[in-house]
């Protein structure tokens, strides 16, 4: 990243990360309850995409803090 983000931009990233974590939790819970196969597939895809989005956001935040997040 060529420039450091401002404080408000970093806070926005944290807000997005919190939102995506909430979405991930809800989709994972609902996929276990869904009886319709098509809906279950959509929810499973959403879980997978949310995990990728969370990793991307964590990487952006860690780059701003000058550290790397390891799993």
N, C-alpha and C. Protein backbone atom coordinates (compact mmCIF):
# COMPACT_ATOMS: atom_id res chain seq x y z
N UNK A 1 0.83 -1.17 0.00
CA UNK A 1 0.00 0.00 0.00
C UNK A 1 0.89 1.24 0.00
N UNK A 2 0.72 2.14 -0.93
CA UNK A 2 1.60 3.29 -1.02
C UNK A 2 1.42 4.30 0.11
N UNK A 3 0.20 4.48 0.60
CA UNK A 3 -0.06 5.48 1.62
C UNK A 3 -0.72 4.83 2.82
N UNK A 4 -0.50 5.42 3.97
CA UNK A 4 -1.18 4.96 5.18
C UNK A 4 -2.59 5.54 5.17
N UNK A 5 -3.50 4.77 5.72
CA UNK A 5 -4.88 5.23 5.82
C UNK A 5 -5.02 6.19 6.99
N UNK A 6 -6.02 7.08 6.88
CA UNK A 6 -6.33 7.96 7.99
C UNK A 6 -7.02 7.17 9.09
N UNK A 7 -7.13 7.80 10.24
CA UNK A 7 -7.76 7.13 11.38
C UNK A 7 -9.20 6.74 11.05
N UNK A 8 -9.94 7.65 10.43
CA UNK A 8 -11.34 7.35 10.10
C UNK A 8 -11.45 6.20 9.11
N UNK A 9 -10.50 6.10 8.20
CA UNK A 9 -10.51 4.99 7.23
C UNK A 9 -10.18 3.66 7.91
N UNK A 10 -9.26 3.70 8.85
CA UNK A 10 -8.93 2.49 9.60
C UNK A 10 -10.13 2.04 10.44
N UNK A 11 -10.82 2.99 11.04
CA UNK A 11 -12.03 2.66 11.80
C UNK A 11 -13.10 2.05 10.90
N UNK A 12 -13.21 2.56 9.68
CA UNK A 12 -14.16 1.99 8.72
C UNK A 12 -13.82 0.53 8.41
N UNK A 13 -12.53 0.24 8.27
CA UNK A 13 -12.11 -1.14 8.03
C UNK A 13 -12.50 -2.03 9.21
N UNK A 14 -12.32 -1.52 10.42
CA UNK A 14 -12.70 -2.29 11.61
C UNK A 14 -14.21 -2.52 11.65
N UNK A 15 -14.98 -1.51 11.27
CA UNK A 15 -16.43 -1.65 11.22
C UNK A 15 -16.84 -2.70 10.19
N UNK A 16 -16.22 -2.66 9.02
CA UNK A 16 -16.50 -3.66 7.99
C UNK A 16 -16.14 -5.06 8.46
N UNK A 17 -15.02 -5.18 9.16
CA UNK A 17 -14.60 -6.48 9.68
C UNK A 17 -15.62 -7.01 10.69
N UNK A 18 -16.09 -6.15 11.56
CA UNK A 18 -17.11 -6.55 12.54
C UNK A 18 -18.39 -6.99 11.83
N UNK A 19 -18.80 -6.23 10.82
CA UNK A 19 -20.01 -6.55 10.06
C UNK A 19 -19.87 -7.90 9.35
N UNK A 20 -18.72 -8.13 8.70
CA UNK A 20 -18.51 -9.39 7.98
C UNK A 20 -18.47 -10.57 8.94
N UNK A 21 -17.92 -10.38 10.14
CA UNK A 21 -17.92 -11.45 11.13
C UNK A 21 -19.34 -11.79 11.56
N UNK A 22 -20.18 -10.77 11.72
CA UNK A 22 -21.58 -10.99 12.07
C UNK A 22 -22.30 -11.72 10.94
N UNK A 23 -22.06 -11.31 9.70
CA UNK A 23 -22.67 -11.98 8.54
C UNK A 23 -22.24 -13.44 8.46
N UNK A 24 -20.97 -13.69 8.70
CA UNK A 24 -20.44 -15.05 8.67
C UNK A 24 -21.12 -15.92 9.72
N UNK A 25 -21.24 -15.40 10.92
CA UNK A 25 -21.87 -16.15 12.01
C UNK A 25 -23.32 -16.47 11.67
N UNK A 26 -24.04 -15.47 11.16
CA UNK A 26 -25.46 -15.67 10.83
C UNK A 26 -25.62 -16.67 9.68
N UNK A 27 -24.84 -16.54 8.63
CA UNK A 27 -24.96 -17.45 7.49
C UNK A 27 -24.60 -18.88 7.88
N UNK A 28 -23.58 -19.03 8.72
CA UNK A 28 -23.19 -20.37 9.17
C UNK A 28 -24.31 -21.00 10.00
N UNK A 29 -24.91 -20.22 10.88
CA UNK A 29 -26.00 -20.74 11.70
C UNK A 29 -27.23 -21.08 10.86
N UNK A 30 -27.56 -20.20 9.94
CA UNK A 30 -28.75 -20.41 9.11
C UNK A 30 -28.57 -21.57 8.14
N UNK A 31 -27.34 -21.80 7.68
CA UNK A 31 -27.12 -22.91 6.74
C UNK A 31 -27.40 -24.25 7.40
N UNK A 32 -27.18 -24.32 8.71
CA UNK A 32 -27.49 -25.56 9.44
C UNK A 32 -28.99 -25.76 9.62
N UNK A 33 -29.75 -24.67 9.58
CA UNK A 33 -31.19 -24.75 9.79
C UNK A 33 -31.98 -24.83 8.48
N UNK A 34 -31.38 -24.45 7.37
CA UNK A 34 -32.08 -24.39 6.09
C UNK A 34 -32.43 -25.80 5.60
N UNK A 35 -33.67 -25.95 5.17
CA UNK A 35 -34.09 -27.25 4.63
C UNK A 35 -34.09 -27.24 3.09
N UNK A 36 -34.19 -26.06 2.50
CA UNK A 36 -34.18 -25.93 1.04
C UNK A 36 -32.73 -26.03 0.54
N UNK A 37 -32.49 -26.92 -0.40
CA UNK A 37 -31.13 -27.17 -0.90
C UNK A 37 -30.53 -25.93 -1.56
N UNK A 38 -31.32 -25.21 -2.33
CA UNK A 38 -30.81 -24.02 -3.02
C UNK A 38 -30.41 -22.94 -2.01
N UNK A 39 -31.24 -22.75 -1.00
CA UNK A 39 -30.93 -21.77 0.04
C UNK A 39 -29.68 -22.18 0.81
N UNK A 40 -29.58 -23.45 1.11
CA UNK A 40 -28.41 -23.96 1.84
C UNK A 40 -27.14 -23.71 1.02
N UNK A 41 -27.19 -23.94 -0.29
CA UNK A 41 -26.04 -23.70 -1.16
C UNK A 41 -25.63 -22.22 -1.15
N UNK A 42 -26.63 -21.33 -1.21
CA UNK A 42 -26.36 -19.89 -1.18
C UNK A 42 -25.67 -19.51 0.13
N UNK A 43 -26.18 -20.05 1.23
CA UNK A 43 -25.61 -19.73 2.54
C UNK A 43 -24.18 -20.27 2.68
N UNK A 44 -23.94 -21.47 2.16
CA UNK A 44 -22.60 -22.05 2.22
C UNK A 44 -21.63 -21.22 1.38
N UNK A 45 -22.08 -20.76 0.21
CA UNK A 45 -21.24 -19.89 -0.62
C UNK A 45 -20.95 -18.57 0.09
N UNK A 46 -21.97 -18.05 0.79
CA UNK A 46 -21.79 -16.80 1.53
C UNK A 46 -20.77 -16.98 2.65
N UNK A 47 -20.81 -18.11 3.33
CA UNK A 47 -19.83 -18.40 4.38
C UNK A 47 -18.42 -18.39 3.80
N UNK A 48 -18.24 -19.06 2.68
CA UNK A 48 -16.93 -19.12 2.04
C UNK A 48 -16.45 -17.73 1.62
N UNK A 49 -17.32 -16.96 1.00
CA UNK A 49 -16.96 -15.61 0.56
C UNK A 49 -16.67 -14.71 1.75
N UNK A 50 -17.45 -14.84 2.80
CA UNK A 50 -17.23 -14.02 3.99
C UNK A 50 -15.88 -14.32 4.63
N UNK A 51 -15.48 -15.59 4.64
CA UNK A 51 -14.17 -15.96 5.18
C UNK A 51 -13.05 -15.31 4.38
N UNK A 52 -13.21 -15.27 3.06
CA UNK A 52 -12.20 -14.63 2.21
C UNK A 52 -12.18 -13.12 2.45
N UNK A 53 -13.36 -12.52 2.57
CA UNK A 53 -13.45 -11.08 2.81
C UNK A 53 -12.83 -10.70 4.15
N UNK A 54 -13.08 -11.52 5.16
CA UNK A 54 -12.51 -11.26 6.49
C UNK A 54 -10.99 -11.32 6.43
N UNK A 55 -10.46 -12.31 5.74
CA UNK A 55 -9.00 -12.42 5.61
C UNK A 55 -8.43 -11.19 4.91
N UNK A 56 -9.09 -10.73 3.86
CA UNK A 56 -8.64 -9.55 3.14
C UNK A 56 -8.64 -8.32 4.04
N UNK A 57 -9.72 -8.14 4.78
CA UNK A 57 -9.81 -6.99 5.69
C UNK A 57 -8.74 -7.07 6.78
N UNK A 58 -8.53 -8.26 7.33
CA UNK A 58 -7.49 -8.43 8.35
C UNK A 58 -6.11 -8.09 7.79
N UNK A 59 -5.86 -8.49 6.56
CA UNK A 59 -4.58 -8.17 5.93
C UNK A 59 -4.41 -6.67 5.73
N UNK A 60 -5.46 -6.00 5.29
CA UNK A 60 -5.40 -4.55 5.11
C UNK A 60 -5.13 -3.84 6.43
N UNK A 61 -5.80 -4.28 7.47
CA UNK A 61 -5.61 -3.67 8.79
C UNK A 61 -4.20 -3.93 9.29
N UNK A 62 -3.73 -5.15 9.14
CA UNK A 62 -2.38 -5.48 9.63
C UNK A 62 -1.30 -4.72 8.86
N UNK A 63 -1.51 -4.50 7.57
CA UNK A 63 -0.55 -3.72 6.79
C UNK A 63 -0.46 -2.30 7.31
N UNK A 64 -1.59 -1.77 7.73
CA UNK A 64 -1.61 -0.42 8.28
C UNK A 64 -0.91 -0.35 9.63
N UNK A 65 -0.94 -1.45 10.36
CA UNK A 65 -0.32 -1.49 11.68
C UNK A 65 1.12 -1.99 11.60
N UNK A 66 1.55 -2.39 10.41
CA UNK A 66 2.92 -2.84 10.22
C UNK A 66 3.20 -4.22 10.78
N UNK A 67 2.16 -5.05 10.84
CA UNK A 67 2.33 -6.41 11.31
C UNK A 67 1.50 -7.34 10.46
N UNK A 68 1.72 -8.63 10.57
CA UNK A 68 1.00 -9.63 9.80
C UNK A 68 0.17 -10.49 10.72
N UNK A 69 -1.07 -10.76 10.32
CA UNK A 69 -1.94 -11.65 11.07
C UNK A 69 -1.72 -13.06 10.57
N UNK A 70 -1.41 -13.98 11.46
CA UNK A 70 -1.20 -15.39 11.10
C UNK A 70 -2.33 -16.21 11.68
N UNK A 71 -2.74 -17.24 10.95
CA UNK A 71 -3.76 -18.16 11.45
C UNK A 71 -3.10 -19.33 12.09
